[in-house]
């Protein structure tokens, strides 16, 4: 398997509840490498592009409004199978249905206020990373712990 990069957004509900560090630490403890990190205020324009697949839904504007309440934290993560690993850690979209032990299962009761957005595929991750990060904001480095996270033939 190859190393993959993926996007996570810590939503305004996470910022408001002061859970940013705790949620980020869940990904780091798993062994995912933070290769980009920034706080940013999202605009209606960016959110219209990001949630274009929801444009015909009655809750489209509500979702966008929710994502503009406070800044979000954009995180670029890297690891072997990073997209799937992040999706497993975050759990299903609806927090009250997510299993205990997942981020949403431990911290969310909502479909919308569900702590994080996580890219759902490698293709989507590539698009979303470009939407939220400039090339120079994604960093390449090898953590000292790298050799203790993977077997030498896993990447």
C-alpha atoms as a PDB file:
ATOM      1  CA  UNK A   1       0.000   0.000   0.000  1.00  0.00           C
ATOM      2  CA  UNK A   2       1.025   3.563  -0.578  1.00  0.00           C
ATOM      3  CA  UNK A   3       0.919   6.496   1.780  1.00  0.00           C
ATOM      4  CA  UNK A   4      -2.269   8.508   1.322  1.00  0.00           C
ATOM      5  CA  UNK A   5      -3.200  12.036   2.264  1.00  0.00           C
ATOM      6  CA  UNK A   6      -6.698  12.978   3.394  1.00  0.00           C
ATOM      7  CA  UNK A   7      -8.596  15.951   4.776  1.00  0.00           C
ATOM      8  CA  UNK A   8     -10.349  16.392   8.100  1.00  0.00           C
ATOM      9  CA  UNK A   9     -12.227  19.533   9.097  1.00  0.00           C
ATOM     10  CA  UNK A  10     -12.894  20.118  12.772  1.00  0.00           C
ATOM     11  CA  UNK A  11     -16.330  21.697  12.609  1.00  0.00           C
ATOM     12  CA  UNK A  12     -17.529  24.775  14.511  1.00  0.00           C
ATOM     13  CA  UNK A  13     -19.251  22.534  17.087  1.00  0.00           C
ATOM     14  CA  UNK A  14     -15.807  21.107  17.904  1.00  0.00           C
ATOM     15  CA  UNK A  15     -14.291  24.584  18.184  1.00  0.00           C
ATOM     16  CA  UNK A  16     -17.192  25.779  20.379  1.00  0.00           C
ATOM     17  CA  UNK A  17     -16.925  22.767  22.673  1.00  0.00           C
ATOM     18  CA  UNK A  18     -13.115  23.132  23.032  1.00  0.00           C
ATOM     19  CA  UNK A  19     -12.481  19.627  21.669  1.00  0.00           C
ATOM     20  CA  UNK A  20      -9.934  20.544  18.980  1.00  0.00           C
ATOM     21  CA  UNK A  21      -6.832  19.162  20.706  1.00  0.00           C
ATOM     22  CA  UNK A  22      -8.617  16.065  21.935  1.00  0.00           C
ATOM     23  CA  UNK A  23      -9.921  15.190  18.458  1.00  0.00           C
ATOM     24  CA  UNK A  24      -6.585  15.906  16.749  1.00  0.00           C
ATOM     25  CA  UNK A  25      -4.835  13.699  19.300  1.00  0.00           C
ATOM     26  CA  UNK A  26      -7.062  10.744  18.339  1.00  0.00           C
ATOM     27  CA  UNK A  27      -5.648  10.838  14.797  1.00  0.00           C
ATOM     28  CA  UNK A  28      -2.084  11.324  16.013  1.00  0.00           C
ATOM     29  CA  UNK A  29      -2.347   8.472  18.519  1.00  0.00           C
ATOM     30  CA  UNK A  30      -3.478   6.192  15.685  1.00  0.00           C
ATOM     31  CA  UNK A  31      -0.226   7.002  13.896  1.00  0.00           C
ATOM     32  CA  UNK A  32      -1.478   9.368  11.205  1.00  0.00           C
ATOM     33  CA  UNK A  33       1.017  12.109  10.386  1.00  0.00           C
ATOM     34  CA  UNK A  34      -0.184  15.717  10.451  1.00  0.00           C
ATOM     35  CA  UNK A  35       1.179  17.248   7.248  1.00  0.00           C
ATOM     36  CA  UNK A  36      -0.980  20.388   7.225  1.00  0.00           C
ATOM     37  CA  UNK A  37      -2.889  22.259   9.921  1.00  0.00           C
ATOM     38  CA  UNK A  38      -4.641  25.624   9.996  1.00  0.00           C
ATOM     39  CA  UNK A  39      -7.622  27.478  11.370  1.00  0.00           C
ATOM     40  CA  UNK A  40      -9.755  29.307   8.831  1.00  0.00           C
ATOM     41  CA  UNK A  41     -13.102  31.043   8.501  1.00  0.00           C
ATOM     42  CA  UNK A  42     -15.102  29.410   5.705  1.00  0.00           C
ATOM     43  CA  UNK A  43     -17.096  31.518   3.266  1.00  0.00           C
ATOM     44  CA  UNK A  44     -20.425  30.864   1.585  1.00  0.00           C
ATOM     45  CA  UNK A  45     -18.551  30.521  -1.718  1.00  0.00           C
ATOM     46  CA  UNK A  46     -16.176  27.825  -0.440  1.00  0.00           C
ATOM     47  CA  UNK A  47     -19.005  25.982   1.293  1.00  0.00           C
ATOM     48  CA  UNK A  48     -21.220  26.102  -1.802  1.00  0.00           C
ATOM     49  CA  UNK A  49     -18.409  24.379  -3.693  1.00  0.00           C
ATOM     50  CA  UNK A  50     -17.614  21.942  -0.870  1.00  0.00           C
ATOM     51  CA  UNK A  51     -21.248  20.925  -0.374  1.00  0.00           C
ATOM     52  CA  UNK A  52     -22.346  21.199  -4.033  1.00  0.00           C
ATOM     53  CA  UNK A  53     -23.621  17.610  -3.841  1.00  0.00           C
ATOM     54  CA  UNK A  54     -26.224  18.841  -1.308  1.00  0.00           C
ATOM     55  CA  UNK A  55     -27.336  21.894  -3.315  1.00  0.00           C
ATOM     56  CA  UNK A  56     -30.826  20.518  -4.015  1.00  0.00           C
ATOM     57  CA  UNK A  57     -31.496  19.498  -0.417  1.00  0.00           C
ATOM     58  CA  UNK A  58     -33.763  21.555   1.856  1.00  0.00           C
ATOM     59  CA  UNK A  59     -31.039  21.681   4.534  1.00  0.00           C
ATOM     60  CA  UNK A  60     -28.286  22.999   2.204  1.00  0.00           C
ATOM     61  CA  UNK A  61     -28.265  26.556   3.588  1.00  0.00           C
ATOM     62  CA  UNK A  62     -28.535  25.308   7.188  1.00  0.00           C
ATOM     63  CA  UNK A  63     -25.413  23.189   6.698  1.00  0.00           C
ATOM     64  CA  UNK A  64     -23.502  26.129   5.229  1.00  0.00           C
ATOM     65  CA  UNK A  65     -24.678  28.459   8.011  1.00  0.00           C
ATOM     66  CA  UNK A  66     -23.567  25.943  10.636  1.00  0.00           C
ATOM     67  CA  UNK A  67     -20.097  25.730   9.104  1.00  0.00           C
ATOM     68  CA  UNK A  68     -19.647  29.526   9.307  1.00  0.00           C
ATOM     69  CA  UNK A  69     -20.514  29.989  13.016  1.00  0.00           C
ATOM     70  CA  UNK A  70     -16.829  29.943  13.993  1.00  0.00           C
ATOM     71  CA  UNK A  71     -13.610  29.152  12.167  1.00  0.00           C
ATOM     72  CA  UNK A  72     -12.883  25.501  11.430  1.00  0.00           C
ATOM     73  CA  UNK A  73      -9.579  23.673  11.750  1.00  0.00           C
ATOM     74  CA  UNK A  74      -8.395  22.088   8.508  1.00  0.00           C
ATOM     75  CA  UNK A  75      -6.086  19.114   8.938  1.00  0.00           C
ATOM     76  CA  UNK A  76      -4.160  17.233   6.266  1.00  0.00           C
ATOM     77  CA  UNK A  77      -3.275  13.737   7.474  1.00  0.00           C
ATOM     78  CA  UNK A  78      -1.015  11.115   5.914  1.00  0.00           C
ATOM     79  CA  UNK A  79      -0.597   7.397   6.435  1.00  0.00           C
ATOM     80  CA  UNK A  80      -0.983   3.998   4.829  1.00  0.00           C
ATOM     81  CA  UNK A  81      -4.674   3.694   4.008  1.00  0.00           C
ATOM     82  CA  UNK A  82      -5.269   7.121   5.596  1.00  0.00           C
ATOM     83  CA  UNK A  83      -8.710   7.703   4.032  1.00  0.00           C
ATOM     84  CA  UNK A  84     -10.135   4.447   5.375  1.00  0.00           C
ATOM     85  CA  UNK A  85      -8.357   4.797   8.725  1.00  0.00           C
ATOM     86  CA  UNK A  86      -9.785   8.289   9.260  1.00  0.00           C
ATOM     87  CA  UNK A  87     -13.294   7.190   8.259  1.00  0.00           C
ATOM     88  CA  UNK A  88     -13.080   4.289  10.721  1.00  0.00           C
ATOM     89  CA  UNK A  89     -11.884   6.553  13.547  1.00  0.00           C
ATOM     90  CA  UNK A  90     -14.611   9.143  12.877  1.00  0.00           C
ATOM     91  CA  UNK A  91     -17.482   6.650  12.629  1.00  0.00           C
ATOM     92  CA  UNK A  92     -20.830   6.968  10.826  1.00  0.00           C
ATOM     93  CA  UNK A  93     -22.231  10.425  10.040  1.00  0.00           C
ATOM     94  CA  UNK A  94     -25.007  10.442  12.640  1.00  0.00           C
ATOM     95  CA  UNK A  95     -23.357  10.710  16.029  1.00  0.00           C
ATOM     96  CA  UNK A  96     -26.152   9.083  18.015  1.00  0.00           C
ATOM     97  CA  UNK A  97     -25.847   5.982  15.784  1.00  0.00           C
ATOM     98  CA  UNK A  98     -22.042   5.868  15.785  1.00  0.00           C
ATOM     99  CA  UNK A  99     -20.408   3.209  17.940  1.00  0.00           C
ATOM    100  CA  UNK A 100     -18.680   4.134  21.166  1.00  0.00           C
ATOM    101  CA  UNK A 101     -14.963   4.440  20.586  1.00  0.00           C
ATOM    102  CA  UNK A 102     -15.376   6.436  17.374  1.00  0.00           C
ATOM    103  CA  UNK A 103     -15.053  10.220  17.453  1.00  0.00           C
ATOM    104  CA  UNK A 104     -18.689  10.758  16.550  1.00  0.00           C
ATOM    105  CA  UNK A 105     -19.834   7.973  18.855  1.00  0.00           C
ATOM    106  CA  UNK A 106     -17.977   9.525  21.774  1.00  0.00           C
ATOM    107  CA  UNK A 107     -18.661  13.231  21.142  1.00  0.00           C
ATOM    108  CA  UNK A 108     -21.798  13.683  19.001  1.00  0.00           C
ATOM    109  CA  UNK A 109     -25.549  13.167  19.075  1.00  0.00           C
ATOM    110  CA  UNK A 110     -26.273  14.908  15.766  1.00  0.00           C
ATOM    111  CA  UNK A 111     -26.331  14.281  12.025  1.00  0.00           C
ATOM    112  CA  UNK A 112     -25.084  17.799  11.288  1.00  0.00           C
ATOM    113  CA  UNK A 113     -23.154  18.801  14.422  1.00  0.00           C
ATOM    114  CA  UNK A 114     -21.054  15.668  14.168  1.00  0.00           C
ATOM    115  CA  UNK A 115     -17.611  17.003  15.119  1.00  0.00           C
ATOM    116  CA  UNK A 116     -15.674  16.401  11.871  1.00  0.00           C
ATOM    117  CA  UNK A 117     -15.844  16.297   8.125  1.00  0.00           C
ATOM    118  CA  UNK A 118     -13.634  13.559   6.637  1.00  0.00           C
ATOM    119  CA  UNK A 119     -12.934  12.912   2.956  1.00  0.00           C
ATOM    120  CA  UNK A 120     -14.773   9.808   1.779  1.00  0.00           C
ATOM    121  CA  UNK A 121     -12.368   8.609  -0.933  1.00  0.00           C
ATOM    122  CA  UNK A 122      -8.845   9.166  -2.209  1.00  0.00           C
ATOM    123  CA  UNK A 123     -10.243  11.115  -5.181  1.00  0.00           C
ATOM    124  CA  UNK A 124     -12.359  13.349  -2.949  1.00  0.00           C
ATOM    125  CA  UNK A 125      -9.422  13.840  -0.586  1.00  0.00           C
ATOM    126  CA  UNK A 126      -7.244  15.160  -3.425  1.00  0.00           C
ATOM    127  CA  UNK A 127      -9.931  17.683  -4.433  1.00  0.00           C
ATOM    128  CA  UNK A 128     -10.668  18.747  -0.860  1.00  0.00           C
ATOM    129  CA  UNK A 129      -7.013  19.119   0.112  1.00  0.00           C
ATOM    130  CA  UNK A 130      -6.545  21.532  -2.806  1.00  0.00           C
ATOM    131  CA  UNK A 131      -9.691  23.424  -1.743  1.00  0.00           C
ATOM    132  CA  UNK A 132      -8.426  24.030   1.795  1.00  0.00           C
ATOM    133  CA  UNK A 133      -4.615  24.040   1.469  1.00  0.00           C
ATOM    134  CA  UNK A 134      -2.126  25.675  -0.877  1.00  0.00           C
ATOM    135  CA  UNK A 135       0.708  23.374  -2.019  1.00  0.00           C
ATOM    136  CA  UNK A 136       3.210  25.108   0.289  1.00  0.00           C
ATOM    137  CA  UNK A 137       0.952  24.439   3.307  1.00  0.00           C
ATOM    138  CA  UNK A 138       1.349  20.649   2.985  1.00  0.00           C
ATOM    139  CA  UNK A 139       4.645  19.515   4.492  1.00  0.00           C
ATOM    140  CA  UNK A 140       6.764  16.458   3.764  1.00  0.00           C
ATOM    141  CA  UNK A 141       8.839  15.054   6.615  1.00  0.00           C
ATOM    142  CA  UNK A 142       9.520  11.659   8.105  1.00  0.00           C
ATOM    143  CA  UNK A 143       8.573  11.326  11.774  1.00  0.00           C
ATOM    144  CA  UNK A 144      11.076   9.554  14.009  1.00  0.00           C
ATOM    145  CA  UNK A 145       8.341   7.060  14.947  1.00  0.00           C
ATOM    146  CA  UNK A 146       7.623   6.084  11.324  1.00  0.00           C
ATOM    147  CA  UNK A 147       9.602   2.833  11.434  1.00  0.00           C
ATOM    148  CA  UNK A 148       7.617   1.762  14.506  1.00  0.00           C
ATOM    149  CA  UNK A 149       4.232   2.349  12.855  1.00  0.00           C
ATOM    150  CA  UNK A 150       4.592   0.172   9.766  1.00  0.00           C
ATOM    151  CA  UNK A 151       6.420  -2.929   8.611  1.00  0.00           C
ATOM    152  CA  UNK A 152       9.154  -2.098   6.114  1.00  0.00           C
ATOM    153  CA  UNK A 153       7.145  -3.571   3.235  1.00  0.00           C
ATOM    154  CA  UNK A 154       3.839  -1.783   3.926  1.00  0.00           C
ATOM    155  CA  UNK A 155       4.493   1.341   1.868  1.00  0.00           C
END
